[in-house]
Amino acid sequence: MKKIILIYTSMTGNTEMLAGEVIKGLEQMNVELTVKEAFDSLPTDLLDYDGFIIGTYTWEGEVPNEFMDFFEELDHVDLSGKKAAVFGSGDSYYGSTYGAALRFFTEKITLLGAEVLLPNLVIDLYPEDAELEQCLEFGRTFAELMFDNS
């Protein structure tokens, strides 16, 4: 059984809502799932899993404070052989920084050797029903790709 950890943070509840749907999608598959909040996580936690998913929002064009220590400490972890994906919420009002924290995470984990299995999923503000369905499918697809890449 594939072991997956989902680590997320949320300020307004939007990313938490997205995470809930991603979790439902993962739970529909045959995976062992652990869910943690960013404050309760260390980058070394990722080493105990076959794959990981990061859920974040963007704060003023940056990784939010709740994830900053984790993000910076990632530099000391070799993620070779790990499968990954990143999702989160953003506010398209901010134009070029919309979803920037997701891009920062994807760039860093790729440099550290992780294989990103899916394009980033960024949802603008409060998710609509169709976007929640996208999150559910994101979780299912990630799990399917984990098996396909065995």
Protein backbone atom coordinates (compact mmCIF):
# COMPACT_ATOMS: atom_id res chain seq x y z
CA MET A 1 0.00 0.00 0.00
CA LYS A 2 1.34 3.43 -0.96
CA LYS A 3 1.88 5.86 1.91
CA ILE A 4 0.96 9.49 1.25
CA ILE A 5 1.15 12.54 3.49
CA LEU A 6 -0.81 15.72 2.85
CA ILE A 7 0.49 18.82 4.61
CA TYR A 8 -1.48 22.05 4.37
CA THR A 9 -2.16 25.45 5.84
CA SER A 10 -5.16 27.73 5.56
CA MET A 11 -5.94 31.23 6.79
CA THR A 12 -9.49 31.90 5.62
CA GLY A 13 -10.61 28.29 5.36
CA ASN A 14 -10.49 28.16 1.56
CA THR A 15 -7.37 25.96 1.35
CA GLU A 16 -8.70 23.81 4.19
CA MET A 17 -11.87 23.24 2.17
CA LEU A 18 -9.78 22.28 -0.87
CA ALA A 19 -7.70 19.94 1.29
CA GLY A 20 -10.87 18.25 2.51
CA GLU A 21 -11.83 17.36 -1.05
CA VAL A 22 -8.31 16.23 -2.01
CA ILE A 23 -8.39 14.01 1.10
CA LYS A 24 -11.74 12.52 0.03
CA GLY A 25 -10.27 11.72 -3.38
CA LEU A 26 -7.24 10.05 -1.83
CA GLU A 27 -9.40 8.09 0.60
CA GLN A 28 -11.33 6.61 -2.34
CA MET A 29 -8.08 4.98 -3.46
CA ASN A 30 -6.08 2.24 -1.78
CA VAL A 31 -3.53 4.42 0.02
CA GLU A 32 -2.38 4.92 3.59
CA LEU A 33 -2.99 8.62 4.24
CA THR A 34 -1.61 10.95 6.90
CA VAL A 35 -2.82 14.56 7.13
CA LYS A 36 -0.93 17.25 9.04
CA GLU A 37 -1.02 21.01 9.35
CA ALA A 38 2.11 22.93 8.38
CA PHE A 39 2.86 24.08 11.94
CA ASP A 40 2.94 20.44 13.10
CA SER A 41 5.20 19.23 10.27
CA LEU A 42 8.87 18.95 9.48
CA PRO A 43 10.39 18.41 6.03
CA THR A 44 11.92 15.15 7.31
CA ASP A 45 8.33 13.86 7.75
CA LEU A 46 8.24 13.52 3.95
CA LEU A 47 10.94 10.85 4.03
CA ASP A 48 8.57 8.33 5.65
CA TYR A 49 6.17 8.40 2.69
CA ASP A 50 6.11 7.34 -0.96
CA GLY A 51 4.42 10.57 -1.95
CA PHE A 52 3.35 13.92 -0.55
CA ILE A 53 0.94 16.70 -1.35
CA ILE A 54 1.40 20.30 -0.23
CA GLY A 55 -1.63 22.57 0.18
CA THR A 56 -1.02 26.28 0.67
CA TYR A 57 -2.29 29.75 -0.01
CA THR A 58 -0.15 32.68 -1.13
CA TRP A 59 0.36 35.62 1.22
CA GLU A 60 1.51 38.88 -0.35
CA GLY A 61 3.24 36.98 -3.15
CA GLU A 62 5.12 34.70 -0.75
CA VAL A 63 4.90 31.40 1.10
CA PRO A 64 2.70 32.07 4.16
CA ASN A 65 4.27 32.35 7.62
CA GLU A 66 2.74 29.04 8.73
CA PHE A 67 4.77 27.24 6.05
CA MET A 68 7.92 29.41 5.97
CA ASP A 69 10.06 27.39 8.42
CA PHE A 70 9.06 24.17 6.66
CA PHE A 71 9.82 25.71 3.27
CA GLU A 72 13.26 26.96 4.32
CA GLU A 73 14.20 23.70 6.06
CA LEU A 74 13.34 21.72 2.92
CA ASP A 75 16.79 22.66 1.63
CA HIS A 76 18.25 20.02 3.97
CA VAL A 77 16.15 17.11 2.68
CA ASP A 78 16.82 14.84 -0.30
CA LEU A 79 13.46 14.15 -1.95
CA SER A 80 14.84 11.85 -4.66
CA GLY A 81 12.34 9.13 -5.50
CA LYS A 82 9.41 10.92 -3.84
CA LYS A 83 6.25 11.70 -5.81
CA ALA A 84 4.60 15.04 -5.15
CA ALA A 85 1.85 17.51 -6.01
CA VAL A 86 0.90 21.02 -4.89
CA PHE A 87 -2.51 22.69 -4.63
CA GLY A 88 -3.98 25.73 -2.96
CA SER A 89 -6.01 28.87 -3.07
CA GLY A 90 -5.16 32.33 -4.26
CA ASP A 91 -6.61 35.67 -5.23
CA SER A 92 -6.34 36.47 -8.94
CA TYR A 93 -6.68 40.17 -8.07
CA TYR A 94 -2.94 40.10 -7.33
CA GLY A 95 -2.07 39.20 -10.93
CA SER A 96 1.52 38.03 -11.27
CA THR A 97 1.71 36.77 -7.67
CA TYR A 98 -1.49 34.70 -7.99
CA GLY A 99 -0.62 31.25 -6.67
CA ALA A 100 3.06 32.18 -6.27
CA ALA A 101 3.57 30.06 -3.13
CA LEU A 102 2.50 26.98 -5.11
CA ARG A 103 5.11 27.75 -7.77
CA PHE A 104 7.78 28.31 -5.12
CA PHE A 105 7.03 24.92 -3.54
CA THR A 106 6.99 23.14 -6.89
CA GLU A 107 10.30 24.66 -7.95
CA LYS A 108 11.98 23.79 -4.66
CA ILE A 109 10.76 20.20 -4.35
CA THR A 110 11.72 19.56 -7.98
CA LEU A 111 15.24 20.87 -7.32
CA LEU A 112 15.41 18.57 -4.29
CA GLY A 113 14.64 15.52 -6.45
CA ALA A 114 10.88 15.01 -6.11
CA GLU A 115 8.86 14.10 -9.17
CA VAL A 116 5.81 16.36 -9.46
CA LEU A 117 3.03 14.17 -10.87
CA LEU A 118 0.38 16.83 -11.54
CA PRO A 119 0.28 20.48 -12.59
CA ASN A 120 -0.36 22.83 -9.67
CA LEU A 121 -4.04 23.24 -8.85
CA VAL A 122 -4.80 26.81 -7.78
CA ILE A 123 -8.35 27.85 -7.00
CA ASP A 124 -9.36 31.51 -6.98
CA LEU A 125 -10.74 32.53 -3.57
CA TYR A 126 -13.79 30.58 -2.32
CA PRO A 127 -14.23 27.32 -4.27
CA GLU A 128 -17.36 26.66 -6.31
CA ASP A 129 -18.82 23.13 -6.57
CA ALA A 130 -17.02 22.43 -9.85
CA GLU A 131 -13.71 23.46 -8.29
CA LEU A 132 -14.32 21.20 -5.29
CA GLU A 133 -14.88 18.37 -7.77
CA GLN A 134 -11.53 19.27 -9.37
CA CYS A 135 -9.90 18.86 -5.94
CA LEU A 136 -11.53 15.47 -5.42
CA GLU A 137 -10.24 14.39 -8.83
CA PHE A 138 -6.80 15.83 -8.03
CA GLY A 139 -6.56 13.48 -5.03
CA ARG A 140 -7.78 10.44 -6.99
CA THR A 141 -5.48 11.16 -9.93
CA PHE A 142 -2.46 11.63 -7.67
CA ALA A 143 -3.08 8.22 -6.09
CA GLU A 144 -3.57 6.60 -9.51
CA LEU A 145 -0.31 8.09 -10.77
CA MET A 146 1.46 6.86 -7.63
CA PHE A 147 0.49 3.30 -8.63
CA ASP A 148 1.32 3.82 -12.30
CA ASN A 149 4.82 4.98 -11.37
CA SER A 150 5.55 1.97 -9.14
